[in-house]
N, C-alpha and C. Protein backbone atom coordinates (compact mmCIF):
# COMPACT_ATOMS: atom_id res chain seq x y z
N UNK A 1 69.47 104.35 123.55
CA UNK A 1 70.75 104.30 123.67
C UNK A 1 71.14 105.07 125.00
N UNK A 2 72.07 104.52 125.64
CA UNK A 2 72.61 105.24 126.95
C UNK A 2 73.85 105.76 126.63
N UNK A 3 73.98 107.13 126.67
CA UNK A 3 75.32 107.77 126.44
C UNK A 3 75.54 108.78 127.52
N UNK A 4 75.84 108.23 128.68
CA UNK A 4 76.23 109.11 129.87
C UNK A 4 74.91 109.63 130.43
N UNK A 5 74.95 110.96 130.37
CA UNK A 5 73.90 111.65 131.10
C UNK A 5 72.61 111.84 130.09
N UNK A 6 72.94 111.60 128.72
CA UNK A 6 72.03 111.89 127.75
C UNK A 6 71.49 110.51 127.36
N UNK A 7 70.23 110.37 127.43
CA UNK A 7 69.43 109.10 127.12
C UNK A 7 68.26 109.44 126.11
N UNK A 8 68.08 108.83 125.17
CA UNK A 8 67.14 109.08 124.17
C UNK A 8 67.38 108.40 122.82
N UNK A 9 66.57 108.94 121.89
CA UNK A 9 66.65 108.48 120.55
C UNK A 9 66.87 109.69 119.50
N UNK A 10 67.52 109.39 118.47
CA UNK A 10 67.76 110.50 117.39
C UNK A 10 66.88 110.12 116.31
N UNK A 11 66.15 111.04 115.89
CA UNK A 11 65.35 110.70 114.57
C UNK A 11 66.21 110.46 113.30
N UNK A 12 65.65 109.58 112.41
CA UNK A 12 66.39 109.36 111.16
C UNK A 12 66.29 110.58 110.33
N UNK A 13 67.18 110.79 109.30
CA UNK A 13 67.02 111.83 108.49
C UNK A 13 67.86 111.48 107.10
N UNK A 14 67.60 112.32 106.13
CA UNK A 14 68.37 112.16 104.87
C UNK A 14 69.06 113.61 104.52
N UNK A 15 70.19 113.51 104.03
CA UNK A 15 70.81 114.74 103.57
C UNK A 15 71.35 114.64 102.28
N UNK A 16 71.55 115.69 101.66
CA UNK A 16 72.29 115.75 100.32
C UNK A 16 73.47 116.51 100.33
N UNK A 17 74.50 116.00 99.78
CA UNK A 17 75.85 116.60 99.80
C UNK A 17 76.25 116.73 98.34
N UNK A 18 77.18 117.77 98.08
CA UNK A 18 77.64 117.88 96.78
C UNK A 18 79.07 118.56 96.86
N UNK A 19 79.90 118.25 95.85
CA UNK A 19 81.22 118.71 95.71
C UNK A 19 81.47 119.05 94.36
N UNK A 20 82.03 120.34 94.00
CA UNK A 20 82.44 120.71 92.69
C UNK A 20 83.75 120.96 92.57
N UNK A 21 84.51 120.43 91.70
CA UNK A 21 86.11 120.81 91.52
C UNK A 21 86.24 121.28 90.16
N UNK A 22 87.19 122.39 90.25
CA UNK A 22 87.50 123.00 88.88
C UNK A 22 89.20 123.06 88.70
N UNK A 23 89.56 122.47 87.78
CA UNK A 23 91.08 122.56 87.50
C UNK A 23 91.43 123.91 87.01
N UNK A 24 92.10 124.69 87.66
CA UNK A 24 92.46 126.02 87.15
C UNK A 24 93.47 125.72 86.01
N UNK A 25 93.23 126.74 84.94
CA UNK A 25 94.18 126.77 83.91
C UNK A 25 95.48 127.41 84.13
N UNK A 26 96.47 126.54 84.43
CA UNK A 26 97.79 127.11 84.62
C UNK A 26 98.63 126.81 83.50
N UNK A 27 99.47 127.68 82.99
CA UNK A 27 100.23 127.64 81.68
C UNK A 27 101.52 126.80 82.04
N UNK A 28 101.98 126.73 83.10
CA UNK A 28 103.19 125.92 83.37
C UNK A 28 102.93 124.46 83.60
N UNK A 29 103.46 123.64 82.71
CA UNK A 29 103.11 122.29 82.76
C UNK A 29 103.52 121.39 84.05
N UNK A 30 104.44 121.87 84.76
CA UNK A 30 104.91 121.20 86.02
C UNK A 30 104.01 121.64 87.35
N UNK A 31 103.23 122.62 87.14
CA UNK A 31 102.30 123.16 88.18
C UNK A 31 100.89 122.81 87.96
N UNK A 32 100.12 122.66 88.92
CA UNK A 32 98.55 122.28 88.66
C UNK A 32 97.97 122.88 89.90
N UNK A 33 96.75 123.35 89.73
CA UNK A 33 95.99 123.74 90.91
C UNK A 33 94.39 123.44 90.67
N UNK A 34 93.77 122.93 91.81
CA UNK A 34 92.36 122.63 91.61
C UNK A 34 91.60 123.31 92.76
N UNK A 35 90.41 124.11 92.45
CA UNK A 35 89.64 124.70 93.33
C UNK A 35 88.50 123.86 93.72
N UNK A 36 88.10 123.59 94.93
CA UNK A 36 87.13 122.79 95.38
C UNK A 36 86.00 123.50 96.30
N UNK A 37 84.71 123.31 95.99
CA UNK A 37 83.53 123.88 96.74
C UNK A 37 82.72 122.73 97.21
N UNK A 38 82.48 122.53 98.44
CA UNK A 38 81.68 121.51 98.76
C UNK A 38 80.58 121.88 99.73
N UNK A 39 79.47 121.19 99.76
CA UNK A 39 78.26 121.51 100.70
C UNK A 39 77.76 120.20 101.40
N UNK A 40 77.67 120.14 102.54
CA UNK A 40 77.14 119.09 103.27
C UNK A 40 75.75 119.64 103.76
N UNK A 41 74.81 118.68 103.62
CA UNK A 41 73.41 119.14 103.97
C UNK A 41 72.89 120.29 103.16
N UNK A 42 72.95 120.15 101.88
CA UNK A 42 72.78 121.11 100.90
C UNK A 42 71.56 121.97 101.15
N UNK A 43 70.37 121.31 101.49
CA UNK A 43 69.12 121.84 101.50
C UNK A 43 68.78 122.37 103.01
N UNK A 44 69.85 122.42 103.93
CA UNK A 44 69.85 123.07 105.17
C UNK A 44 68.59 122.56 106.06
N UNK A 45 68.54 121.19 105.99
CA UNK A 45 67.58 120.51 106.88
C UNK A 45 68.36 120.26 108.28
N UNK A 46 67.91 121.15 109.26
CA UNK A 46 68.59 121.01 110.55
C UNK A 46 68.26 119.65 111.16
N UNK A 47 69.34 119.03 111.51
CA UNK A 47 69.23 117.75 112.15
C UNK A 47 70.08 117.54 113.33
N UNK A 48 69.80 116.60 114.26
CA UNK A 48 70.50 116.46 115.42
C UNK A 48 71.31 115.04 115.14
N UNK A 49 72.71 115.19 115.25
CA UNK A 49 73.54 113.96 114.98
C UNK A 49 73.41 113.07 116.15
N UNK A 50 73.43 113.39 117.38
CA UNK A 50 73.47 112.56 118.62
C UNK A 50 72.79 113.36 119.78
N UNK A 51 72.43 112.49 120.75
CA UNK A 51 71.67 113.00 121.81
C UNK A 51 72.59 114.10 122.65
N UNK A 52 71.99 115.19 123.10
CA UNK A 52 72.68 116.14 123.61
C UNK A 52 73.35 117.26 122.80
N UNK A 53 73.41 117.05 121.56
CA UNK A 53 74.17 117.89 120.68
C UNK A 53 73.12 118.73 120.15
N UNK A 54 73.52 120.06 119.78
CA UNK A 54 72.65 121.12 119.12
C UNK A 54 72.32 120.53 117.69
N UNK A 55 71.31 120.96 117.06
CA UNK A 55 70.72 120.71 115.73
C UNK A 55 71.93 121.36 114.78
N UNK A 56 72.23 120.84 113.68
CA UNK A 56 73.20 121.50 112.85
C UNK A 56 72.60 121.55 111.39
N UNK A 57 72.95 122.57 110.49
CA UNK A 57 72.34 122.77 109.32
C UNK A 57 73.49 122.62 108.24
N UNK A 58 73.38 123.48 107.16
CA UNK A 58 74.30 123.38 106.01
C UNK A 58 75.77 123.78 106.49
N UNK A 59 76.74 123.07 105.86
CA UNK A 59 78.14 123.43 106.00
C UNK A 59 78.78 123.59 104.67
N UNK A 60 79.41 124.71 104.40
CA UNK A 60 79.91 124.90 103.10
C UNK A 60 81.49 125.07 103.28
N UNK A 61 82.23 124.39 102.49
CA UNK A 61 83.71 124.33 102.55
C UNK A 61 84.39 124.72 101.20
N UNK A 62 85.42 125.23 101.27
CA UNK A 62 86.32 125.60 100.01
C UNK A 62 87.73 125.21 100.17
N UNK A 63 88.43 124.91 99.16
CA UNK A 63 89.87 124.67 99.25
C UNK A 63 90.54 124.73 97.92
N UNK A 64 91.86 124.91 97.97
CA UNK A 64 92.73 124.94 96.81
C UNK A 64 93.79 123.90 96.98
N UNK A 65 93.92 123.00 95.92
CA UNK A 65 95.04 122.03 96.10
C UNK A 65 96.00 122.48 94.91
N UNK A 66 97.31 122.68 95.36
CA UNK A 66 98.32 123.06 94.34
C UNK A 66 99.44 121.84 94.37
N UNK A 67 99.55 121.40 92.98
CA UNK A 67 100.60 120.39 92.83
C UNK A 67 101.81 121.00 92.13
N UNK A 68 102.96 120.63 92.64
CA UNK A 68 104.28 121.16 91.92
C UNK A 68 105.20 120.16 92.02
């Protein structure tokens, strides 16, 4: 593939992603909250997404969703 100044191939790879969600116990019925933790490339297999880019490893994200 020709991508400007970067020419070459990227090796194929496999990655495992996971997400866990937990609904927080809130006593007021009109409110709700969910805690989320996610991991991309769970086993930290360093991979190159495209030519010219640095190799990347595991990415962990967290979040809270509040409904009212």
